[in-house]
């Protein structure tokens, strides 16, 4: 099995991964998935030491989701 797949499978049930899935679902339910992800990516670029989950949470807040 390749290293990326192994890493994903090891972390797919972690609490951070499950919280990320919940964030994505919330954005999708509000019809703002693309906008939230775009904002999260901008946040990650501006603050590279932030976790992906934190950037997603900030983006959700920015979009009032």
PDB file of N, CA and C in Angstrom:
ATOM      1  N   UNK A   1       0.859  -1.167   0.000  1.00  0.00           N
ATOM      2  CA  UNK A   1       0.000   0.000   0.000  1.00  0.00           C
ATOM      3  C   UNK A   1       0.914   1.240   0.000  1.00  0.00           C
ATOM      4  N   UNK A   2       0.524   2.271  -0.782  1.00  0.00           N
ATOM      5  CA  UNK A   2       1.382   3.449  -0.827  1.00  0.00           C
ATOM      6  C   UNK A   2       1.276   4.255   0.463  1.00  0.00           C
ATOM      7  N   UNK A   3       2.270   5.104   0.683  1.00  0.00           N
ATOM      8  CA  UNK A   3       2.395   5.839   1.947  1.00  0.00           C
ATOM      9  C   UNK A   3       1.235   6.812   2.169  1.00  0.00           C
ATOM     10  N   UNK A   4       0.765   7.470   1.134  1.00  0.00           N
ATOM     11  CA  UNK A   4      -0.343   8.423   1.272  1.00  0.00           C
ATOM     12  C   UNK A   4      -1.616   7.703   1.702  1.00  0.00           C
ATOM     13  N   UNK A   5      -1.894   6.578   1.061  1.00  0.00           N
ATOM     14  CA  UNK A   5      -3.094   5.817   1.402  1.00  0.00           C
ATOM     15  C   UNK A   5      -3.009   5.298   2.843  1.00  0.00           C
ATOM     16  N   UNK A   6      -1.848   4.820   3.230  1.00  0.00           N
ATOM     17  CA  UNK A   6      -1.658   4.332   4.590  1.00  0.00           C
ATOM     18  C   UNK A   6      -1.883   5.447   5.602  1.00  0.00           C
ATOM     19  N   UNK A   7      -1.308   6.612   5.342  1.00  0.00           N
ATOM     20  CA  UNK A   7      -1.472   7.756   6.239  1.00  0.00           C
ATOM     21  C   UNK A   7      -2.948   8.157   6.345  1.00  0.00           C
ATOM     22  N   UNK A   8      -3.648   8.191   5.209  1.00  0.00           N
ATOM     23  CA  UNK A   8      -5.070   8.546   5.227  1.00  0.00           C
ATOM     24  C   UNK A   8      -5.866   7.553   6.060  1.00  0.00           C
ATOM     25  N   UNK A   9      -5.649   6.278   5.856  1.00  0.00           N
ATOM     26  CA  UNK A   9      -6.403   5.259   6.585  1.00  0.00           C
ATOM     27  C   UNK A   9      -6.120   5.307   8.084  1.00  0.00           C
ATOM     28  N   UNK A  10      -4.891   5.635   8.451  1.00  0.00           N
ATOM     29  CA  UNK A  10      -4.558   5.751   9.867  1.00  0.00           C
ATOM     30  C   UNK A  10      -5.287   6.922  10.521  1.00  0.00           C
ATOM     31  N   UNK A  11      -5.496   8.003   9.762  1.00  0.00           N
ATOM     32  CA  UNK A  11      -6.058   9.219  10.332  1.00  0.00           C
ATOM     33  C   UNK A  11      -7.540   9.427  10.022  1.00  0.00           C
ATOM     34  N   UNK A  12      -8.138   8.562   9.245  1.00  0.00           N
ATOM     35  CA  UNK A  12      -9.511   8.789   8.797  1.00  0.00           C
ATOM     36  C   UNK A  12     -10.537   8.724   9.922  1.00  0.00           C
ATOM     37  N   UNK A  13     -10.187   8.124  11.027  1.00  0.00           N
ATOM     38  CA  UNK A  13     -11.126   8.077  12.143  1.00  0.00           C
ATOM     39  C   UNK A  13     -10.691   8.975  13.297  1.00  0.00           C
ATOM     40  N   UNK A  14      -9.682   9.795  13.063  1.00  0.00           N
ATOM     41  CA  UNK A  14      -9.242  10.703  14.124  1.00  0.00           C
ATOM     42  C   UNK A  14     -10.317  11.760  14.358  1.00  0.00           C
ATOM     43  N   UNK A  15     -10.314  12.331  15.543  1.00  0.00           N
ATOM     44  CA  UNK A  15     -11.336  13.333  15.860  1.00  0.00           C
ATOM     45  C   UNK A  15     -11.202  14.554  14.951  1.00  0.00           C
ATOM     46  N   UNK A  16      -9.966  14.933  14.604  1.00  0.00           N
ATOM     47  CA  UNK A  16      -9.785  16.094  13.728  1.00  0.00           C
ATOM     48  C   UNK A  16     -10.387  15.833  12.339  1.00  0.00           C
ATOM     49  N   UNK A  17     -10.195  14.641  11.829  1.00  0.00           N
ATOM     50  CA  UNK A  17     -10.749  14.302  10.514  1.00  0.00           C
ATOM     51  C   UNK A  17     -12.274  14.306  10.572  1.00  0.00           C
ATOM     52  N   UNK A  18     -12.838  13.772  11.628  1.00  0.00           N
ATOM     53  CA  UNK A  18     -14.296  13.750  11.757  1.00  0.00           C
ATOM     54  C   UNK A  18     -14.865  15.156  11.895  1.00  0.00           C
ATOM     55  N   UNK A  19     -14.147  16.032  12.604  1.00  0.00           N
ATOM     56  CA  UNK A  19     -14.586  17.424  12.715  1.00  0.00           C
ATOM     57  C   UNK A  19     -14.505  18.128  11.363  1.00  0.00           C
ATOM     58  N   UNK A  20     -13.491  17.801  10.559  1.00  0.00           N
ATOM     59  CA  UNK A  20     -13.356  18.387   9.226  1.00  0.00           C
ATOM     60  C   UNK A  20     -14.538  17.961   8.345  1.00  0.00           C
ATOM     61  N   UNK A  21     -14.919  16.713   8.433  1.00  0.00           N
ATOM     62  CA  UNK A  21     -16.063  16.213   7.671  1.00  0.00           C
ATOM     63  C   UNK A  21     -17.333  16.963   8.086  1.00  0.00           C
ATOM     64  N   UNK A  22     -17.487  17.201   9.369  1.00  0.00           N
ATOM     65  CA  UNK A  22     -18.656  17.940   9.865  1.00  0.00           C
ATOM     66  C   UNK A  22     -18.654  19.370   9.320  1.00  0.00           C
ATOM     67  N   UNK A  23     -17.496  20.006   9.273  1.00  0.00           N
ATOM     68  CA  UNK A  23     -17.395  21.359   8.720  1.00  0.00           C
ATOM     69  C   UNK A  23     -17.803  21.371   7.248  1.00  0.00           C
ATOM     70  N   UNK A  24     -17.320  20.399   6.509  1.00  0.00           N
ATOM     71  CA  UNK A  24     -17.653  20.311   5.082  1.00  0.00           C
ATOM     72  C   UNK A  24     -19.147  20.101   4.903  1.00  0.00           C
ATOM     73  N   UNK A  25     -19.724  19.242   5.733  1.00  0.00           N
ATOM     74  CA  UNK A  25     -21.171  18.989   5.644  1.00  0.00           C
ATOM     75  C   UNK A  25     -21.967  20.250   5.948  1.00  0.00           C
ATOM     76  N   UNK A  26     -21.556  21.004   6.964  1.00  0.00           N
ATOM     77  CA  UNK A  26     -22.258  22.253   7.298  1.00  0.00           C
ATOM     78  C   UNK A  26     -22.199  23.243   6.140  1.00  0.00           C
ATOM     79  N   UNK A  27     -21.033  23.391   5.541  1.00  0.00           N
ATOM     80  CA  UNK A  27     -20.882  24.309   4.409  1.00  0.00           C
ATOM     81  C   UNK A  27     -21.750  23.860   3.240  1.00  0.00           C
ATOM     82  N   UNK A  28     -21.748  22.564   2.977  1.00  0.00           N
ATOM     83  CA  UNK A  28     -22.551  22.015   1.882  1.00  0.00           C
ATOM     84  C   UNK A  28     -24.039  22.217   2.137  1.00  0.00           C
ATOM     85  N   UNK A  29     -24.488  22.005   3.371  1.00  0.00           N
ATOM     86  CA  UNK A  29     -25.897  22.189   3.723  1.00  0.00           C
ATOM     87  C   UNK A  29     -26.364  23.625   3.513  1.00  0.00           C
ATOM     88  N   UNK A  30     -25.453  24.574   3.630  1.00  0.00           N
ATOM     89  CA  UNK A  30     -25.793  25.984   3.427  1.00  0.00           C
ATOM     90  C   UNK A  30     -25.541  26.441   1.990  1.00  0.00           C
ATOM     91  N   UNK A  31     -25.135  25.514   1.129  1.00  0.00           N
ATOM     92  CA  UNK A  31     -24.884  25.855  -0.274  1.00  0.00           C
ATOM     93  C   UNK A  31     -23.651  26.728  -0.457  1.00  0.00           C
ATOM     94  N   UNK A  32     -22.706  26.635   0.473  1.00  0.00           N
ATOM     95  CA  UNK A  32     -21.528  27.497   0.439  1.00  0.00           C
ATOM     96  C   UNK A  32     -20.226  26.697   0.464  1.00  0.00           C
ATOM     97  N   UNK A  33     -20.245  25.481  -0.022  1.00  0.00           N
ATOM     98  CA  UNK A  33     -19.066  24.625   0.062  1.00  0.00           C
ATOM     99  C   UNK A  33     -17.865  25.243  -0.654  1.00  0.00           C
ATOM    100  N   UNK A  34     -18.049  25.668  -1.883  1.00  0.00           N
ATOM    101  CA  UNK A  34     -16.933  26.229  -2.659  1.00  0.00           C
ATOM    102  C   UNK A  34     -16.407  27.498  -1.994  1.00  0.00           C
ATOM    103  N   UNK A  35     -17.307  28.343  -1.550  1.00  0.00           N
ATOM    104  CA  UNK A  35     -16.901  29.602  -0.928  1.00  0.00           C
ATOM    105  C   UNK A  35     -16.126  29.360   0.378  1.00  0.00           C
ATOM    106  N   UNK A  36     -16.600  28.431   1.174  1.00  0.00           N
ATOM    107  CA  UNK A  36     -15.947  28.136   2.452  1.00  0.00           C
ATOM    108  C   UNK A  36     -14.569  27.514   2.216  1.00  0.00           C
ATOM    109  N   UNK A  37     -14.481  26.589   1.291  1.00  0.00           N
ATOM    110  CA  UNK A  37     -13.190  25.969   1.007  1.00  0.00           C
ATOM    111  C   UNK A  37     -12.216  27.001   0.449  1.00  0.00           C
ATOM    112  N   UNK A  38     -12.685  27.863  -0.438  1.00  0.00           N
ATOM    113  CA  UNK A  38     -11.823  28.914  -0.991  1.00  0.00           C
ATOM    114  C   UNK A  38     -11.305  29.815   0.130  1.00  0.00           C
ATOM    115  N   UNK A  39     -12.180  30.210   1.035  1.00  0.00           N
ATOM    116  CA  UNK A  39     -11.779  31.059   2.157  1.00  0.00           C
ATOM    117  C   UNK A  39     -10.798  30.326   3.070  1.00  0.00           C
ATOM    118  N   UNK A  40     -11.037  29.046   3.310  1.00  0.00           N
ATOM    119  CA  UNK A  40     -10.129  28.259   4.152  1.00  0.00           C
ATOM    120  C   UNK A  40      -8.748  28.152   3.517  1.00  0.00           C
ATOM    121  N   UNK A  41      -8.699  27.975   2.206  1.00  0.00           N
ATOM    122  CA  UNK A  41      -7.411  27.903   1.518  1.00  0.00           C
ATOM    123  C   UNK A  41      -6.664  29.233   1.593  1.00  0.00           C
ATOM    124  N   UNK A  42      -7.388  30.333   1.452  1.00  0.00           N
ATOM    125  CA  UNK A  42      -6.770  31.651   1.605  1.00  0.00           C
ATOM    126  C   UNK A  42      -6.239  31.822   3.026  1.00  0.00           C
ATOM    127  N   UNK A  43      -6.995  31.358   3.989  1.00  0.00           N
ATOM    128  CA  UNK A  43      -6.589  31.432   5.395  1.00  0.00           C
ATOM    129  C   UNK A  43      -5.306  30.612   5.623  1.00  0.00           C
ATOM    130  N   UNK A  44      -5.248  29.437   5.015  1.00  0.00           N
ATOM    131  CA  UNK A  44      -4.064  28.588   5.151  1.00  0.00           C
ATOM    132  C   UNK A  44      -2.840  29.252   4.532  1.00  0.00           C
ATOM    133  N   UNK A  45      -3.052  29.936   3.409  1.00  0.00           N
ATOM    134  CA  UNK A  45      -1.943  30.618   2.747  1.00  0.00           C
ATOM    135  C   UNK A  45      -1.440  31.782   3.612  1.00  0.00           C
ATOM    136  N   UNK A  46      -2.362  32.518   4.216  1.00  0.00           N
ATOM    137  CA  UNK A  46      -1.997  33.675   5.026  1.00  0.00           C
ATOM    138  C   UNK A  46      -1.383  33.264   6.370  1.00  0.00           C
ATOM    139  N   UNK A  47      -1.868  32.152   6.925  1.00  0.00           N
ATOM    140  CA  UNK A  47      -1.385  31.669   8.226  1.00  0.00           C
ATOM    141  C   UNK A  47      -0.946  30.204   8.093  1.00  0.00           C
ATOM    142  N   UNK A  48       0.226  29.963   7.493  1.00  0.00           N
ATOM    143  CA  UNK A  48       0.644  28.590   7.181  1.00  0.00           C
ATOM    144  C   UNK A  48       0.852  27.680   8.398  1.00  0.00           C
ATOM    145  N   UNK A  49       0.975  28.249   9.582  1.00  0.00           N
ATOM    146  CA  UNK A  49       1.146  27.415  10.774  1.00  0.00           C
ATOM    147  C   UNK A  49      -0.177  26.949  11.370  1.00  0.00           C
ATOM    148  N   UNK A  50      -1.290  27.433  10.831  1.00  0.00           N
ATOM    149  CA  UNK A  50      -2.612  27.016  11.311  1.00  0.00           C
ATOM    150  C   UNK A  50      -2.954  25.638  10.772  1.00  0.00           C
ATOM    151  N   UNK A  51      -3.740  24.903  11.526  1.00  0.00           N
ATOM    152  CA  UNK A  51      -4.173  23.578  11.068  1.00  0.00           C
ATOM    153  C   UNK A  51      -5.274  23.737  10.019  1.00  0.00           C
ATOM    154  N   UNK A  52      -5.430  22.758   9.147  1.00  0.00           N
ATOM    155  CA  UNK A  52      -6.524  22.808   8.171  1.00  0.00           C
ATOM    156  C   UNK A  52      -7.889  22.925   8.849  1.00  0.00           C
ATOM    157  N   UNK A  53      -8.062  22.241   9.980  1.00  0.00           N
ATOM    158  CA  UNK A  53      -9.342  22.315  10.689  1.00  0.00           C
ATOM    159  C   UNK A  53      -9.607  23.727  11.182  1.00  0.00           C
ATOM    160  N   UNK A  54      -8.622  24.366  11.768  1.00  0.00           N
ATOM    161  CA  UNK A  54      -8.806  25.729  12.256  1.00  0.00           C
ATOM    162  C   UNK A  54      -9.141  26.675  11.104  1.00  0.00           C
ATOM    163  N   UNK A  55      -8.466  26.515   9.983  1.00  0.00           N
ATOM    164  CA  UNK A  55      -8.747  27.363   8.816  1.00  0.00           C
ATOM    165  C   UNK A  55     -10.168  27.146   8.315  1.00  0.00           C
ATOM    166  N   UNK A  56     -10.624  25.912   8.336  1.00  0.00           N
ATOM    167  CA  UNK A  56     -11.993  25.615   7.915  1.00  0.00           C
ATOM    168  C   UNK A  56     -12.986  26.227   8.896  1.00  0.00           C
ATOM    169  N   UNK A  57     -12.703  26.152  10.173  1.00  0.00           N
ATOM    170  CA  UNK A  57     -13.593  26.735  11.178  1.00  0.00           C
ATOM    171  C   UNK A  57     -13.661  28.254  11.039  1.00  0.00           C
ATOM    172  N   UNK A  58     -12.539  28.894  10.770  1.00  0.00           N
ATOM    173  CA  UNK A  58     -12.520  30.333  10.553  1.00  0.00           C
ATOM    174  C   UNK A  58     -13.334  30.687   9.311  1.00  0.00           C
ATOM    175  N   UNK A  59     -13.181  29.906   8.262  1.00  0.00           N
ATOM    176  CA  UNK A  59     -13.928  30.152   7.024  1.00  0.00           C
ATOM    177  C   UNK A  59     -15.432  29.998   7.255  1.00  0.00           C
ATOM    178  N   UNK A  60     -15.838  29.012   8.007  1.00  0.00           N
ATOM    179  CA  UNK A  60     -17.261  28.839   8.325  1.00  0.00           C
ATOM    180  C   UNK A  60     -17.788  30.060   9.063  1.00  0.00           C
ATOM    181  N   UNK A  61     -16.998  30.541   9.991  1.00  0.00           N
ATOM    182  CA  UNK A  61     -17.399  31.743  10.753  1.00  0.00           C
ATOM    183  C   UNK A  61     -17.498  32.948   9.832  1.00  0.00           C
ATOM    184  N   UNK A  62     -16.536  33.077   8.920  1.00  0.00           N
ATOM    185  CA  UNK A  62     -16.562  34.204   7.980  1.00  0.00           C
ATOM    186  C   UNK A  62     -17.826  34.212   7.124  1.00  0.00           C
ATOM    187  N   UNK A  63     -18.313  33.020   6.801  1.00  0.00           N
ATOM    188  CA  UNK A  63     -19.507  32.887   5.970  1.00  0.00           C
ATOM    189  C   UNK A  63     -20.780  32.716   6.802  1.00  0.00           C
ATOM    190  N   UNK A  64     -20.695  32.905   8.105  1.00  0.00           N
ATOM    191  CA  UNK A  64     -21.849  32.779   9.006  1.00  0.00           C
ATOM    192  C   UNK A  64     -22.550  31.441   8.895  1.00  0.00           C
ATOM    193  N   UNK A  65     -21.751  30.400   8.813  1.00  0.00           N
ATOM    194  CA  UNK A  65     -22.308  29.046   8.722  1.00  0.00           C
ATOM    195  C   UNK A  65     -22.187  28.385  10.071  1.00  0.00           C
TER     196      UNK A  65
END
